[in-house]
Amino acid sequence: MRSESHPRGRRGGRSVQAEDKERKHGAKTFRRGRALAFYEMMNMKSIALKKQLETPELQSINPIIVGELKAVETLMEEFAELFELYEVEVVIEEDNPIETQG
């Protein structure tokens, strides 16, 4: 039965299968968006920890900060692998190149 307010019905002329496909894709996109947001939050924590390493006032707790930074970066790597966020990891690394100290 078609709706009077919509000339092509509730689905706009789309089949039930097309509507189901859109719903499934939408949920996947939503979860991916949340995963990307979490990854970006972890990246911001990593950047903040790197800045703290350079702060003279925090040199006394430098080993603790280094440990936290390693933990955050390990989580980021595992999270990127689990959610297949490889392209995001590359883009973020290009935006914020890591300077190696040697």
Protein backbone atom coordinates (compact mmCIF):
# COMPACT_ATOMS: atom_id res chain seq x y z
CA MET A 1 0.00 0.00 0.00
CA ARG A 2 1.37 3.37 -0.97
CA SER A 3 1.37 6.44 1.18
CA GLU A 4 -0.76 9.34 -0.02
CA SER A 5 1.91 11.93 0.84
CA HIS A 6 4.64 10.18 -1.18
CA PRO A 7 3.82 9.37 -4.81
CA ARG A 8 6.31 6.50 -4.92
CA GLY A 9 5.60 5.13 -1.44
CA ARG A 10 7.59 4.99 1.75
CA ARG A 11 10.76 3.61 0.12
CA GLY A 12 10.65 6.02 -2.79
CA GLY A 13 10.31 3.18 -5.31
CA ARG A 14 13.29 1.23 -3.96
CA SER A 15 13.00 -2.47 -3.34
CA VAL A 16 13.03 -3.96 0.14
CA GLN A 17 16.41 -5.53 -0.66
CA ALA A 18 17.89 -2.14 -1.59
CA GLU A 19 16.60 -0.65 1.64
CA ASP A 20 18.06 -3.53 3.68
CA LYS A 21 21.41 -3.09 1.93
CA GLU A 22 21.43 0.62 2.82
CA ARG A 23 20.70 -0.18 6.47
CA LYS A 24 23.55 -2.70 6.69
CA HIS A 25 25.98 -0.29 5.03
CA GLY A 26 24.84 2.54 7.28
CA ALA A 27 25.58 0.58 10.47
CA LYS A 28 29.00 -0.42 9.20
CA THR A 29 29.76 3.19 8.27
CA PHE A 30 28.62 4.36 11.71
CA ARG A 31 30.87 1.84 13.49
CA ARG A 32 33.78 2.78 11.26
CA GLY A 33 33.18 6.45 12.04
CA ARG A 34 33.28 5.72 15.76
CA ALA A 35 36.44 3.67 15.31
CA LEU A 36 38.06 6.55 13.42
CA ALA A 37 37.03 9.00 16.14
CA PHE A 38 38.56 6.76 18.81
CA TYR A 39 41.75 6.37 16.79
CA GLU A 40 42.01 10.14 16.39
CA MET A 41 41.51 10.58 20.14
CA MET A 42 44.37 8.14 20.78
CA ASN A 43 46.50 10.04 18.27
CA MET A 44 45.85 13.29 20.15
CA LYS A 45 46.93 11.60 23.40
CA SER A 46 50.10 10.44 21.69
CA ILE A 47 50.86 13.97 20.49
CA ALA A 48 50.22 15.36 24.00
CA LEU A 49 52.58 12.80 25.54
CA LYS A 50 55.29 13.68 23.01
CA LYS A 51 54.94 17.35 23.96
CA GLN A 52 55.20 16.43 27.64
CA LEU A 53 58.48 14.62 26.92
CA GLU A 54 59.90 17.94 25.72
CA THR A 55 58.66 19.89 28.77
CA PRO A 56 61.52 20.67 31.18
CA GLU A 57 59.22 20.65 34.22
CA LEU A 58 58.27 17.02 33.55
CA GLN A 59 61.78 15.61 33.11
CA SER A 60 61.61 13.92 36.53
CA ILE A 61 58.73 11.70 35.32
CA ASN A 62 60.13 11.20 31.83
CA PRO A 63 60.31 7.37 32.17
CA ILE A 64 56.62 7.24 33.09
CA ILE A 65 55.65 9.40 30.12
CA VAL A 66 57.76 7.25 27.80
CA GLY A 67 55.95 4.15 29.09
CA GLU A 68 52.55 5.73 28.57
CA LEU A 69 53.54 6.84 25.06
CA LYS A 70 54.65 3.32 24.14
CA ALA A 71 51.39 1.90 25.52
CA VAL A 72 49.26 4.38 23.56
CA GLU A 73 51.18 3.77 20.34
CA THR A 74 50.89 0.00 20.80
CA LEU A 75 47.13 0.34 21.31
CA MET A 76 46.90 2.52 18.20
CA GLU A 77 48.73 -0.08 16.12
CA GLU A 78 46.59 -2.95 17.40
CA PHE A 79 43.39 -0.94 16.97
CA ALA A 80 44.33 0.03 13.40
CA GLU A 81 45.04 -3.60 12.59
CA LEU A 82 41.84 -4.87 14.19
CA PHE A 83 39.57 -2.34 12.48
CA GLU A 84 41.61 -2.24 9.25
CA LEU A 85 42.36 1.48 9.55
CA TYR A 86 45.59 1.32 7.57
CA GLU A 87 44.84 4.27 5.30
CA VAL A 88 44.05 6.46 8.33
CA GLU A 89 47.29 5.50 10.04
CA VAL A 90 49.28 6.54 6.96
CA VAL A 91 47.44 9.88 6.65
CA ILE A 92 47.94 10.74 10.33
CA GLU A 93 51.63 9.85 10.17
CA GLU A 94 52.05 12.10 7.13
CA ASP A 95 50.32 14.97 8.95
CA ASN A 96 52.42 14.51 12.11
CA PRO A 97 55.79 13.05 11.17
CA ILE A 98 57.54 11.37 14.06
CA GLU A 99 61.01 12.74 14.63
CA THR A 100 63.47 10.08 15.65
CA GLN A 101 66.06 10.95 18.20
CA GLY A 102 69.34 9.16 17.84
